[in-house]
Amino acid sequence: MSPQTPLRRPRPSGAQTGLVMALAAMSAAQLGSALTVPLFDQLGALGTAGLRLGWAGVLLLLLVRPRRRDFTRRDLAACTVLGVATAGMMVFFMLALSRLPLGTASALEFLGPLAVSLLGPGRGRKVWTAAAAIGVVLLTEPWHGGLDPLGAGYALAAAACWAAYILLTQRVGDSVTGLKGLALSMPVAGILGMFIAAPTVSAHLTWPALWIMLALAALSPVLPFALEFLALRRLTTSAFGTLMSLEPAIATLIGLLVLGQTPGLAPAVGIAFVVIAGMGATRTGARPVPDTLPAPKFQVQQAPS
């Protein structure tokens, strides 16, 4: 190497980049959820969920501007189903959040990604999945019997929608370039969310609340969903699902700082379990990318004399 040759920094791997994106997405999502809680008294859980989804659909349409020729019929169908799953995930989680602490609701919702993580092969991955499951149990503390049954049901419904969202997001992300798939699925979620929330919002909506919901929609779900959309191109669905075990820990921390919800000893131990599980999942979670494949060999033919 000559003295003039500049040193190149090693580029981060796909798993490391996906890890950063997933962590940023989870932090923004939980912060947005915590900041939405004070608006429940005015707009209700359905109203806040519908307005966030509606604004998110408008923002992504304006920013990305998807076109019809960018999608096949299968892509359109997949984006539509993804929009339905996204709306269900948001609406059910807001309903759960109106009855449960932020950390508890997030821990129950995590059962969806945890189920997805079981689909991955490998003995080591199942070890991390088991550690994440222990953390979820410690976070929810089912032995106390103090969980609101309806709130727990809403959280489990959000978990099922989240599992479908993970699988559909990777399918759409692999077939549609950029964020065009998300820009098509989010308006579908927004229309469905506003249809559900219309009876609640119409009587209590004010201009200040409308602009506040616009800001919250940009923070969550636009930013987290875009980051998750990109992260799922770099991680397997099973690794991404196990990595989402960090979300209850992040939700517990944000619930403490923003809402004053103090966790007990068992949730603190559960946070340690889910952090360990998330770190272990990212070690072998990178998806193969095209530039890692061997270059094709070309045969050189002689020109005819």
C-alpha atoms as a PDB file:
ATOM      1  CA  MET A   1       0.000   0.000   0.000  1.00  0.00           C
ATOM      2  CA  SER A   2       1.486   3.381  -1.015  1.00  0.00           C
ATOM      3  CA  PRO A   3       1.603   6.300   1.441  1.00  0.00           C
ATOM      4  CA  GLN A   4      -0.886   8.217  -0.711  1.00  0.00           C
ATOM      5  CA  THR A   5      -3.509   5.479  -0.515  1.00  0.00           C
ATOM      6  CA  PRO A   6      -6.248   6.600   1.909  1.00  0.00           C
ATOM      7  CA  LEU A   7      -7.349   4.194   4.587  1.00  0.00           C
ATOM      8  CA  ARG A   8     -10.892   2.977   4.182  1.00  0.00           C
ATOM      9  CA  ARG A   9     -13.128   2.415   7.146  1.00  0.00           C
ATOM     10  CA  PRO A  10     -14.823  -0.964   7.238  1.00  0.00           C
ATOM     11  CA  ARG A  11     -18.405  -0.760   6.046  1.00  0.00           C
ATOM     12  CA  PRO A  12     -21.042  -1.964   8.501  1.00  0.00           C
ATOM     13  CA  SER A  13     -22.607  -5.316   7.729  1.00  0.00           C
ATOM     14  CA  GLY A  14     -26.234  -5.778   6.813  1.00  0.00           C
ATOM     15  CA  ALA A  15     -27.069  -7.024  10.288  1.00  0.00           C
ATOM     16  CA  GLN A  16     -25.450  -4.007  11.963  1.00  0.00           C
ATOM     17  CA  THR A  17     -27.251  -1.539   9.714  1.00  0.00           C
ATOM     18  CA  GLY A  18     -30.523  -3.347  10.268  1.00  0.00           C
ATOM     19  CA  LEU A  19     -29.890  -3.251  14.025  1.00  0.00           C
ATOM     20  CA  VAL A  20     -29.474   0.540  14.044  1.00  0.00           C
ATOM     21  CA  MET A  21     -32.591   1.029  11.929  1.00  0.00           C
ATOM     22  CA  ALA A  22     -34.658  -1.271  14.123  1.00  0.00           C
ATOM     23  CA  LEU A  23     -33.538   0.444  17.344  1.00  0.00           C
ATOM     24  CA  ALA A  24     -34.355   3.888  15.940  1.00  0.00           C
ATOM     25  CA  ALA A  25     -37.737   2.641  14.743  1.00  0.00           C
ATOM     26  CA  MET A  26     -38.642   1.172  18.127  1.00  0.00           C
ATOM     27  CA  SER A  27     -37.595   4.303  20.011  1.00  0.00           C
ATOM     28  CA  ALA A  28     -39.623   6.593  17.757  1.00  0.00           C
ATOM     29  CA  ALA A  29     -42.667   4.299  17.888  1.00  0.00           C
ATOM     30  CA  GLN A  30     -42.733   4.093  21.673  1.00  0.00           C
ATOM     31  CA  LEU A  31     -42.096   7.808  22.130  1.00  0.00           C
ATOM     32  CA  GLY A  32     -44.967   8.560  19.775  1.00  0.00           C
ATOM     33  CA  SER A  33     -47.244   6.186  21.705  1.00  0.00           C
ATOM     34  CA  ALA A  34     -46.321   7.784  25.036  1.00  0.00           C
ATOM     35  CA  LEU A  35     -46.987  11.290  23.710  1.00  0.00           C
ATOM     36  CA  THR A  36     -50.369  10.139  22.371  1.00  0.00           C
ATOM     37  CA  VAL A  37     -51.691   8.950  25.749  1.00  0.00           C
ATOM     38  CA  PRO A  38     -52.599  12.466  27.021  1.00  0.00           C
ATOM     39  CA  LEU A  39     -54.897  12.916  24.001  1.00  0.00           C
ATOM     40  CA  PHE A  40     -57.042   9.903  24.910  1.00  0.00           C
ATOM     41  CA  ASP A  41     -59.305  12.063  27.106  1.00  0.00           C
ATOM     42  CA  GLN A  42     -60.170  14.322  24.174  1.00  0.00           C
ATOM     43  CA  LEU A  43     -60.077  12.056  21.117  1.00  0.00           C
ATOM     44  CA  GLY A  44     -60.251   8.543  22.560  1.00  0.00           C
ATOM     45  CA  ALA A  45     -58.058   5.623  21.613  1.00  0.00           C
ATOM     46  CA  LEU A  46     -59.809   5.069  18.275  1.00  0.00           C
ATOM     47  CA  GLY A  47     -59.658   8.756  17.399  1.00  0.00           C
ATOM     48  CA  THR A  48     -55.924   9.079  18.037  1.00  0.00           C
ATOM     49  CA  ALA A  49     -55.183   5.883  16.118  1.00  0.00           C
ATOM     50  CA  GLY A  50     -57.314   6.926  13.146  1.00  0.00           C
ATOM     51  CA  LEU A  51     -55.823  10.422  12.932  1.00  0.00           C
ATOM     52  CA  ARG A  52     -52.253   9.129  13.154  1.00  0.00           C
ATOM     53  CA  LEU A  53     -52.894   6.624  10.387  1.00  0.00           C
ATOM     54  CA  GLY A  54     -54.693   9.176   8.229  1.00  0.00           C
ATOM     55  CA  TRP A  55     -51.931  11.763   8.493  1.00  0.00           C
ATOM     56  CA  ALA A  56     -49.286   9.076   7.919  1.00  0.00           C
ATOM     57  CA  GLY A  57     -50.973   8.025   4.687  1.00  0.00           C
ATOM     58  CA  VAL A  58     -51.085  11.626   3.445  1.00  0.00           C
ATOM     59  CA  LEU A  59     -47.450  12.280   4.350  1.00  0.00           C
ATOM     60  CA  LEU A  60     -46.142   9.179   2.612  1.00  0.00           C
ATOM     61  CA  LEU A  61     -48.202   9.852  -0.515  1.00  0.00           C
ATOM     62  CA  LEU A  62     -46.766  13.365  -0.752  1.00  0.00           C
ATOM     63  CA  LEU A  63     -43.178  12.332  -0.006  1.00  0.00           C
ATOM     64  CA  VAL A  64     -42.880   9.140  -2.066  1.00  0.00           C
ATOM     65  CA  ARG A  65     -45.568   9.603  -4.765  1.00  0.00           C
ATOM     66  CA  PRO A  66     -46.026   5.991  -5.873  1.00  0.00           C
ATOM     67  CA  ARG A  67     -47.220   5.329  -9.418  1.00  0.00           C
ATOM     68  CA  ARG A  68     -49.459   2.584 -10.776  1.00  0.00           C
ATOM     69  CA  ARG A  69     -46.822   1.260 -13.190  1.00  0.00           C
ATOM     70  CA  ASP A  70     -44.475   0.537 -10.283  1.00  0.00           C
ATOM     71  CA  PHE A  71     -46.727  -2.279  -9.033  1.00  0.00           C
ATOM     72  CA  THR A  72     -47.928  -5.590 -10.372  1.00  0.00           C
ATOM     73  CA  ARG A  73     -51.347  -6.933  -9.459  1.00  0.00           C
ATOM     74  CA  ARG A  74     -49.794  -9.143  -6.801  1.00  0.00           C
ATOM     75  CA  ASP A  75     -47.937  -6.156  -5.396  1.00  0.00           C
ATOM     76  CA  LEU A  76     -51.167  -4.174  -5.173  1.00  0.00           C
ATOM     77  CA  ALA A  77     -52.901  -7.030  -3.381  1.00  0.00           C
ATOM     78  CA  ALA A  78     -49.990  -7.476  -0.955  1.00  0.00           C
ATOM     79  CA  CYS A  79     -49.873  -3.734  -0.216  1.00  0.00           C
ATOM     80  CA  THR A  80     -53.611  -3.687   0.446  1.00  0.00           C
ATOM     81  CA  VAL A  81     -53.396  -6.573   2.906  1.00  0.00           C
ATOM     82  CA  LEU A  82     -50.363  -4.917   4.498  1.00  0.00           C
ATOM     83  CA  GLY A  83     -52.414  -1.756   4.971  1.00  0.00           C
ATOM     84  CA  VAL A  84     -55.166  -3.713   6.715  1.00  0.00           C
ATOM     85  CA  ALA A  85     -52.609  -5.363   9.032  1.00  0.00           C
ATOM     86  CA  THR A  86     -51.023  -1.967   9.753  1.00  0.00           C
ATOM     87  CA  ALA A  87     -54.373  -0.435  10.670  1.00  0.00           C
ATOM     88  CA  GLY A  88     -55.208  -3.367  12.931  1.00  0.00           C
ATOM     89  CA  MET A  89     -51.837  -3.171  14.650  1.00  0.00           C
ATOM     90  CA  MET A  90     -52.215   0.548  15.393  1.00  0.00           C
ATOM     91  CA  VAL A  91     -55.885   0.504  16.411  1.00  0.00           C
ATOM     92  CA  PHE A  92     -55.635  -2.519  18.693  1.00  0.00           C
ATOM     93  CA  PHE A  93     -52.452  -1.235  20.335  1.00  0.00           C
ATOM     94  CA  MET A  94     -54.040   2.157  21.070  1.00  0.00           C
ATOM     95  CA  LEU A  95     -57.036   0.373  22.602  1.00  0.00           C
ATOM     96  CA  ALA A  96     -54.681  -1.733  24.723  1.00  0.00           C
ATOM     97  CA  LEU A  97     -52.723   1.353  25.745  1.00  0.00           C
ATOM     98  CA  SER A  98     -55.898   2.952  27.089  1.00  0.00           C
ATOM     99  CA  ARG A  99     -56.173   0.088  29.620  1.00  0.00           C
ATOM    100  CA  LEU A 100     -52.590  -1.107  30.227  1.00  0.00           C
ATOM    101  CA  PRO A 101     -49.216   0.507  31.016  1.00  0.00           C
ATOM    102  CA  LEU A 102     -47.026   1.183  27.995  1.00  0.00           C
ATOM    103  CA  GLY A 103     -44.434  -1.479  28.897  1.00  0.00           C
ATOM    104  CA  THR A 104     -47.048  -4.164  29.557  1.00  0.00           C
ATOM    105  CA  ALA A 105     -48.981  -3.475  26.356  1.00  0.00           C
ATOM    106  CA  SER A 106     -45.760  -3.521  24.340  1.00  0.00           C
ATOM    107  CA  ALA A 107     -44.647  -6.774  25.961  1.00  0.00           C
ATOM    108  CA  LEU A 108     -47.901  -8.509  25.068  1.00  0.00           C
ATOM    109  CA  GLU A 109     -47.787  -7.124  21.538  1.00  0.00           C
ATOM    110  CA  PHE A 110     -44.286  -8.540  21.202  1.00  0.00           C
ATOM    111  CA  LEU A 111     -45.742 -12.058  21.205  1.00  0.00           C
ATOM    112  CA  GLY A 112     -46.418 -11.526  17.493  1.00  0.00           C
ATOM    113  CA  PRO A 113     -42.772 -11.004  16.495  1.00  0.00           C
ATOM    114  CA  LEU A 114     -41.813 -13.742  18.937  1.00  0.00           C
ATOM    115  CA  ALA A 115     -44.014 -16.174  17.023  1.00  0.00           C
ATOM    116  CA  VAL A 116     -42.351 -15.059  13.784  1.00  0.00           C
ATOM    117  CA  SER A 117     -38.910 -15.698  15.273  1.00  0.00           C
ATOM    118  CA  LEU A 118     -39.845 -19.354  15.837  1.00  0.00           C
ATOM    119  CA  LEU A 119     -40.003 -19.813  12.071  1.00  0.00           C
ATOM    120  CA  GLY A 120     -36.240 -19.376  11.702  1.00  0.00           C
ATOM    121  CA  PRO A 121     -33.961 -22.414  11.496  1.00  0.00           C
ATOM    122  CA  GLY A 122     -31.060 -23.038  13.803  1.00  0.00           C
ATOM    123  CA  ARG A 123     -30.711 -24.193  17.380  1.00  0.00           C
ATOM    124  CA  GLY A 124     -29.020 -21.012  18.583  1.00  0.00           C
ATOM    125  CA  ARG A 125     -31.875 -18.804  17.420  1.00  0.00           C
ATOM    126  CA  LYS A 126     -34.346 -20.791  19.487  1.00  0.00           C
ATOM    127  CA  VAL A 127     -32.188 -20.157  22.540  1.00  0.00           C
ATOM    128  CA  TRP A 128     -32.509 -16.403  22.002  1.00  0.00           C
ATOM    129  CA  THR A 129     -36.226 -16.807  21.406  1.00  0.00           C
ATOM    130  CA  ALA A 130     -36.589 -18.651  24.711  1.00  0.00           C
ATOM    131  CA  ALA A 131     -34.675 -15.896  26.517  1.00  0.00           C
ATOM    132  CA  ALA A 132     -36.957 -13.287  24.966  1.00  0.00           C
ATOM    133  CA  ALA A 133     -40.029 -15.275  26.032  1.00  0.00           C
ATOM    134  CA  ILE A 134     -38.800 -15.367  29.634  1.00  0.00           C
ATOM    135  CA  GLY A 135     -38.307 -11.619  29.487  1.00  0.00           C
ATOM    136  CA  VAL A 136     -41.861 -11.084  28.245  1.00  0.00           C
ATOM    137  CA  VAL A 137     -43.261 -13.205  31.093  1.00  0.00           C
ATOM    138  CA  LEU A 138     -41.289 -11.222  33.654  1.00  0.00           C
ATOM    139  CA  LEU A 139     -42.422  -7.944  32.130  1.00  0.00           C
ATOM    140  CA  THR A 140     -46.110  -8.862  32.173  1.00  0.00           C
ATOM    141  CA  GLU A 141     -46.047 -10.573  35.640  1.00  0.00           C
ATOM    142  CA  PRO A 142     -49.050 -12.840  34.982  1.00  0.00           C
ATOM    143  CA  TRP A 143     -48.869 -14.328  38.517  1.00  0.00           C
ATOM    144  CA  HIS A 144     -50.256 -11.079  39.969  1.00  0.00           C
ATOM    145  CA  GLY A 145     -53.503 -11.453  38.043  1.00  0.00           C
ATOM    146  CA  GLY A 146     -53.900  -7.688  37.784  1.00  0.00           C
ATOM    147  CA  LEU A 147     -54.007  -7.380  33.990  1.00  0.00           C
ATOM    148  CA  ASP A 148     -57.134  -5.928  32.424  1.00  0.00           C
ATOM    149  CA  PRO A 149     -58.619  -8.826  30.383  1.00  0.00           C
ATOM    150  CA  LEU A 150     -59.986  -6.597  27.615  1.00  0.00           C
ATOM    151  CA  GLY A 151     -56.742  -4.650  27.420  1.00  0.00           C
ATOM    152  CA  ALA A 152     -54.778  -7.902  27.201  1.00  0.00           C
ATOM    153  CA  GLY A 153     -57.095  -9.074  24.413  1.00  0.00           C
ATOM    154  CA  TYR A 154     -56.490  -5.878  22.462  1.00  0.00           C
ATOM    155  CA  ALA A 155     -52.728  -6.293  22.899  1.00  0.00           C
ATOM    156  CA  LEU A 156     -52.851  -9.886  21.659  1.00  0.00           C
ATOM    157  CA  ALA A 157     -54.878  -8.812  18.624  1.00  0.00           C
ATOM    158  CA  ALA A 158     -52.204  -6.200  17.940  1.00  0.00           C
ATOM    159  CA  ALA A 159     -49.609  -8.975  18.276  1.00  0.00           C
ATOM    160  CA  ALA A 160     -51.315 -11.024  15.563  1.00  0.00           C
ATOM    161  CA  CYS A 161     -51.449  -7.982  13.278  1.00  0.00           C
ATOM    162  CA  TRP A 162     -47.772  -7.263  14.000  1.00  0.00           C
ATOM    163  CA  ALA A 163     -46.760 -10.781  12.986  1.00  0.00           C
ATOM    164  CA  ALA A 164     -48.648 -10.399   9.710  1.00  0.00           C
ATOM    165  CA  TYR A 165     -47.105  -6.952   9.245  1.00  0.00           C
ATOM    166  CA  ILE A 166     -43.555  -8.325   9.540  1.00  0.00           C
ATOM    167  CA  LEU A 167     -44.104 -11.069   6.974  1.00  0.00           C
ATOM    168  CA  LEU A 168     -45.985  -8.826   4.539  1.00  0.00           C
ATOM    169  CA  THR A 169     -43.494  -5.971   4.864  1.00  0.00           C
ATOM    170  CA  GLN A 170     -40.611  -8.194   3.838  1.00  0.00           C
ATOM    171  CA  ARG A 171     -42.613  -9.611   0.946  1.00  0.00           C
ATOM    172  CA  VAL A 172     -43.514  -6.119  -0.329  1.00  0.00           C
ATOM    173  CA  GLY A 173     -40.030  -4.757   0.348  1.00  0.00           C
ATOM    174  CA  ASP A 174     -38.438  -7.499  -1.740  1.00  0.00           C
ATOM    175  CA  SER A 175     -40.673  -6.894  -4.768  1.00  0.00           C
ATOM    176  CA  VAL A 176     -41.190  -3.111  -4.730  1.00  0.00           C
ATOM    177  CA  THR A 177     -38.288  -0.663  -4.894  1.00  0.00           C
ATOM    178  CA  GLY A 178     -37.727   2.006  -2.253  1.00  0.00           C
ATOM    179  CA  LEU A 179     -40.595   3.000   0.027  1.00  0.00           C
ATOM    180  CA  LYS A 180     -43.266   2.820  -2.678  1.00  0.00           C
ATOM    181  CA  GLY A 181     -44.883  -0.213  -1.121  1.00  0.00           C
ATOM    182  CA  LEU A 182     -45.160   1.524   2.235  1.00  0.00           C
ATOM    183  CA  ALA A 183     -46.491   4.671   0.530  1.00  0.00           C
ATOM    184  CA  LEU A 184     -49.293   2.565  -0.950  1.00  0.00           C
ATOM    185  CA  SER A 185     -50.117   0.433   2.095  1.00  0.00           C
ATOM    186  CA  MET A 186     -50.201   3.336   4.573  1.00  0.00           C
ATOM    187  CA  PRO A 187     -53.022   5.236   2.787  1.00  0.00           C
ATOM    188  CA  VAL A 188     -55.023   2.000   2.873  1.00  0.00           C
ATOM    189  CA  ALA A 189     -54.416   1.858   6.626  1.00  0.00           C
ATOM    190  CA  GLY A 190     -55.292   5.549   6.930  1.00  0.00           C
ATOM    191  CA  ILE A 191     -58.624   5.177   5.125  1.00  0.00           C
ATOM    192  CA  LEU A 192     -59.550   2.181   7.264  1.00  0.00           C
ATOM    193  CA  GLY A 193     -58.414   3.902  10.467  1.00  0.00           C
ATOM    194  CA  MET A 194     -60.359   7.102   9.724  1.00  0.00           C
ATOM    195  CA  PHE A 195     -63.462   5.078   8.879  1.00  0.00           C
ATOM    196  CA  ILE A 196     -63.267   3.379  12.281  1.00  0.00           C
ATOM    197  CA  ALA A 197     -62.448   6.598  14.147  1.00  0.00           C
ATOM    198  CA  ALA A 198     -64.949   8.917  12.410  1.00  0.00           C
ATOM    199  CA  PRO A 199     -67.754   8.575  15.007  1.00  0.00           C
ATOM    200  CA  THR A 200     -65.331   9.395  17.837  1.00  0.00           C
ATOM    201  CA  VAL A 201     -63.359  12.192  16.182  1.00  0.00           C
ATOM    202  CA  SER A 202     -66.196  14.212  14.637  1.00  0.00           C
ATOM    203  CA  ALA A 203     -67.530  15.592  17.940  1.00  0.00           C
ATOM    204  CA  HIS A 204     -64.233  16.328  19.739  1.00  0.00           C
ATOM    205  CA  LEU A 205     -61.685  17.297  17.092  1.00  0.00           C
ATOM    206  CA  THR A 206     -60.100  20.753  17.307  1.00  0.00           C
ATOM    207  CA  TRP A 207     -57.509  22.489  15.119  1.00  0.00           C
ATOM    208  CA  PRO A 208     -54.741  22.310  17.754  1.00  0.00           C
ATOM    209  CA  ALA A 209     -55.368  18.591  18.237  1.00  0.00           C
ATOM    210  CA  LEU A 210     -55.339  18.084  14.458  1.00  0.00           C
ATOM    211  CA  TRP A 211     -51.881  19.672  14.083  1.00  0.00           C
ATOM    212  CA  ILE A 212     -50.550  17.812  17.116  1.00  0.00           C
ATOM    213  CA  MET A 213     -51.626  14.541  15.536  1.00  0.00           C
ATOM    214  CA  LEU A 214     -49.839  15.547  12.325  1.00  0.00           C
ATOM    215  CA  ALA A 215     -46.574  15.922  14.248  1.00  0.00           C
ATOM    216  CA  LEU A 216     -47.152  12.641  16.078  1.00  0.00           C
ATOM    217  CA  ALA A 217     -47.879  10.877  12.783  1.00  0.00           C
ATOM    218  CA  ALA A 218     -44.520  12.025  11.418  1.00  0.00           C
ATOM    219  CA  LEU A 219     -42.793  10.724  14.558  1.00  0.00           C
ATOM    220  CA  SER A 220     -44.848   7.527  14.554  1.00  0.00           C
ATOM    221  CA  PRO A 221     -45.810   5.666  12.423  1.00  0.00           C
ATOM    222  CA  VAL A 222     -44.111   7.302   9.385  1.00  0.00           C
ATOM    223  CA  LEU A 223     -40.528   7.266  10.697  1.00  0.00           C
ATOM    224  CA  PRO A 224     -40.644   3.842  12.445  1.00  0.00           C
ATOM    225  CA  PHE A 225     -42.424   2.076   9.590  1.00  0.00           C
ATOM    226  CA  ALA A 226     -40.003   3.478   7.022  1.00  0.00           C
ATOM    227  CA  LEU A 227     -37.026   2.338   9.109  1.00  0.00           C
ATOM    228  CA  GLU A 228     -38.559  -1.096   9.702  1.00  0.00           C
ATOM    229  CA  PHE A 229     -39.287  -1.379   5.980  1.00  0.00           C
ATOM    230  CA  LEU A 230     -35.596  -0.847   5.249  1.00  0.00           C
ATOM    231  CA  ALA A 231     -34.391  -2.987   8.168  1.00  0.00           C
ATOM    232  CA  LEU A 232     -36.373  -6.001   6.946  1.00  0.00           C
ATOM    233  CA  ARG A 233     -34.304  -5.918   3.753  1.00  0.00           C
ATOM    234  CA  ARG A 234     -31.170  -6.521   5.808  1.00  0.00           C
ATOM    235  CA  LEU A 235     -32.454  -8.971   8.431  1.00  0.00           C
ATOM    236  CA  THR A 236     -34.323 -12.242   8.241  1.00  0.00           C
ATOM    237  CA  THR A 237     -37.903 -12.214   9.506  1.00  0.00           C
ATOM    238  CA  SER A 238     -36.918 -14.491  12.400  1.00  0.00           C
ATOM    239  CA  ALA A 239     -33.978 -12.293  13.438  1.00  0.00           C
ATOM    240  CA  PHE A 240     -36.110  -9.161  13.091  1.00  0.00           C
ATOM    241  CA  GLY A 241     -38.848 -10.730  15.191  1.00  0.00           C
ATOM    242  CA  THR A 242     -36.418 -11.640  17.964  1.00  0.00           C
ATOM    243  CA  LEU A 243     -34.781  -8.217  17.774  1.00  0.00           C
ATOM    244  CA  MET A 244     -38.171  -6.666  18.451  1.00  0.00           C
ATOM    245  CA  SER A 245     -37.831  -8.128  21.959  1.00  0.00           C
ATOM    246  CA  LEU A 246     -36.046  -4.877  22.772  1.00  0.00           C
ATOM    247  CA  GLU A 247     -39.281  -2.955  22.282  1.00  0.00           C
ATOM    248  CA  PRO A 248     -40.828  -3.815  25.694  1.00  0.00           C
ATOM    249  CA  ALA A 249     -37.610  -2.637  27.351  1.00  0.00           C
ATOM    250  CA  ILE A 250     -37.652   0.623  25.375  1.00  0.00           C
ATOM    251  CA  ALA A 251     -41.363   1.047  26.099  1.00  0.00           C
ATOM    252  CA  THR A 252     -40.773   0.527  29.830  1.00  0.00           C
ATOM    253  CA  LEU A 253     -38.015   3.131  29.849  1.00  0.00           C
ATOM    254  CA  ILE A 254     -40.081   5.687  27.902  1.00  0.00           C
ATOM    255  CA  GLY A 255     -43.102   4.948  30.086  1.00  0.00           C
ATOM    256  CA  LEU A 256     -40.951   5.745  33.122  1.00  0.00           C
ATOM    257  CA  LEU A 257     -39.507   8.974  31.686  1.00  0.00           C
ATOM    258  CA  VAL A 258     -42.600  10.351  29.929  1.00  0.00           C
ATOM    259  CA  LEU A 259     -45.594   8.886  31.778  1.00  0.00           C
ATOM    260  CA  GLY A 260     -44.083   8.186  35.209  1.00  0.00           C
ATOM    261  CA  GLN A 261     -44.892   4.437  35.048  1.00  0.00           C
ATOM    262  CA  THR A 262     -42.306   2.825  37.353  1.00  0.00           C
ATOM    263  CA  PRO A 263     -41.521  -0.890  36.732  1.00  0.00           C
ATOM    264  CA  GLY A 264     -40.932  -3.365  39.552  1.00  0.00           C
ATOM    265  CA  LEU A 265     -38.086  -5.814  40.107  1.00  0.00           C
ATOM    266  CA  ALA A 266     -39.448  -8.541  37.813  1.00  0.00           C
ATOM    267  CA  PRO A 267     -39.857  -6.197  34.827  1.00  0.00           C
ATOM    268  CA  ALA A 268     -36.306  -4.959  35.383  1.00  0.00           C
ATOM    269  CA  VAL A 269     -35.025  -8.550  35.178  1.00  0.00           C
ATOM    270  CA  GLY A 270     -37.194  -9.079  32.112  1.00  0.00           C
ATOM    271  CA  ILE A 271     -35.520  -6.121  30.428  1.00  0.00           C
ATOM    272  CA  ALA A 272     -32.142  -7.822  30.912  1.00  0.00           C
ATOM    273  CA  PHE A 273     -33.450 -11.027  29.288  1.00  0.00           C
ATOM    274  CA  VAL A 274     -34.882  -9.286  26.241  1.00  0.00           C
ATOM    275  CA  VAL A 275     -31.728  -7.204  25.733  1.00  0.00           C
ATOM    276  CA  ILE A 276     -29.611 -10.373  25.745  1.00  0.00           C
ATOM    277  CA  ALA A 277     -32.020 -12.028  23.302  1.00  0.00           C
ATOM    278  CA  GLY A 278     -31.907  -9.038  20.962  1.00  0.00           C
ATOM    279  CA  MET A 279     -28.113  -8.935  20.936  1.00  0.00           C
ATOM    280  CA  GLY A 280     -27.904 -12.646  20.211  1.00  0.00           C
ATOM    281  CA  ALA A 281     -30.407 -12.433  17.361  1.00  0.00           C
ATOM    282  CA  THR A 282     -28.429  -9.806  15.451  1.00  0.00           C
ATOM    283  CA  ARG A 283     -25.245 -11.902  15.377  1.00  0.00           C
ATOM    284  CA  THR A 284     -26.589 -14.211  12.672  1.00  0.00           C
ATOM    285  CA  GLY A 285     -29.505 -12.180  11.348  1.00  0.00           C
ATOM    286  CA  ALA A 286     -28.130 -10.617   8.165  1.00  0.00           C
ATOM    287  CA  ARG A 287     -29.917 -11.472   4.956  1.00  0.00           C
ATOM    288  CA  PRO A 288     -27.793 -12.461   1.947  1.00  0.00           C
ATOM    289  CA  VAL A 289     -27.449  -9.532  -0.453  1.00  0.00           C
ATOM    290  CA  PRO A 290     -26.695  -9.741  -4.179  1.00  0.00           C
ATOM    291  CA  ASP A 291     -23.203  -8.202  -3.920  1.00  0.00           C
ATOM    292  CA  THR A 292     -22.052 -11.070  -1.722  1.00  0.00           C
ATOM    293  CA  LEU A 293     -22.621 -13.606  -4.468  1.00  0.00           C
ATOM    294  CA  PRO A 294     -19.658 -14.711  -6.587  1.00  0.00           C
ATOM    295  CA  ALA A 295     -19.193 -12.784  -9.814  1.00  0.00           C
ATOM    296  CA  PRO A 296     -20.228 -14.662 -12.963  1.00  0.00           C
ATOM    297  CA  LYS A 297     -17.499 -16.026 -15.166  1.00  0.00           C
ATOM    298  CA  PHE A 298     -17.470 -14.858 -18.768  1.00  0.00           C
ATOM    299  CA  GLN A 299     -15.931 -16.768 -21.631  1.00  0.00           C
ATOM    300  CA  VAL A 300     -13.768 -14.796 -24.066  1.00  0.00           C
ATOM    301  CA  GLN A 301     -14.449 -15.709 -27.670  1.00  0.00           C
ATOM    302  CA  GLN A 302     -11.989 -15.070 -30.474  1.00  0.00           C
ATOM    303  CA  ALA A 303     -13.147 -12.892 -33.315  1.00  0.00           C
ATOM    304  CA  PRO A 304     -13.536 -14.731 -36.642  1.00  0.00           C
ATOM    305  CA  SER A 305     -10.647 -14.275 -39.029  1.00  0.00           C
END
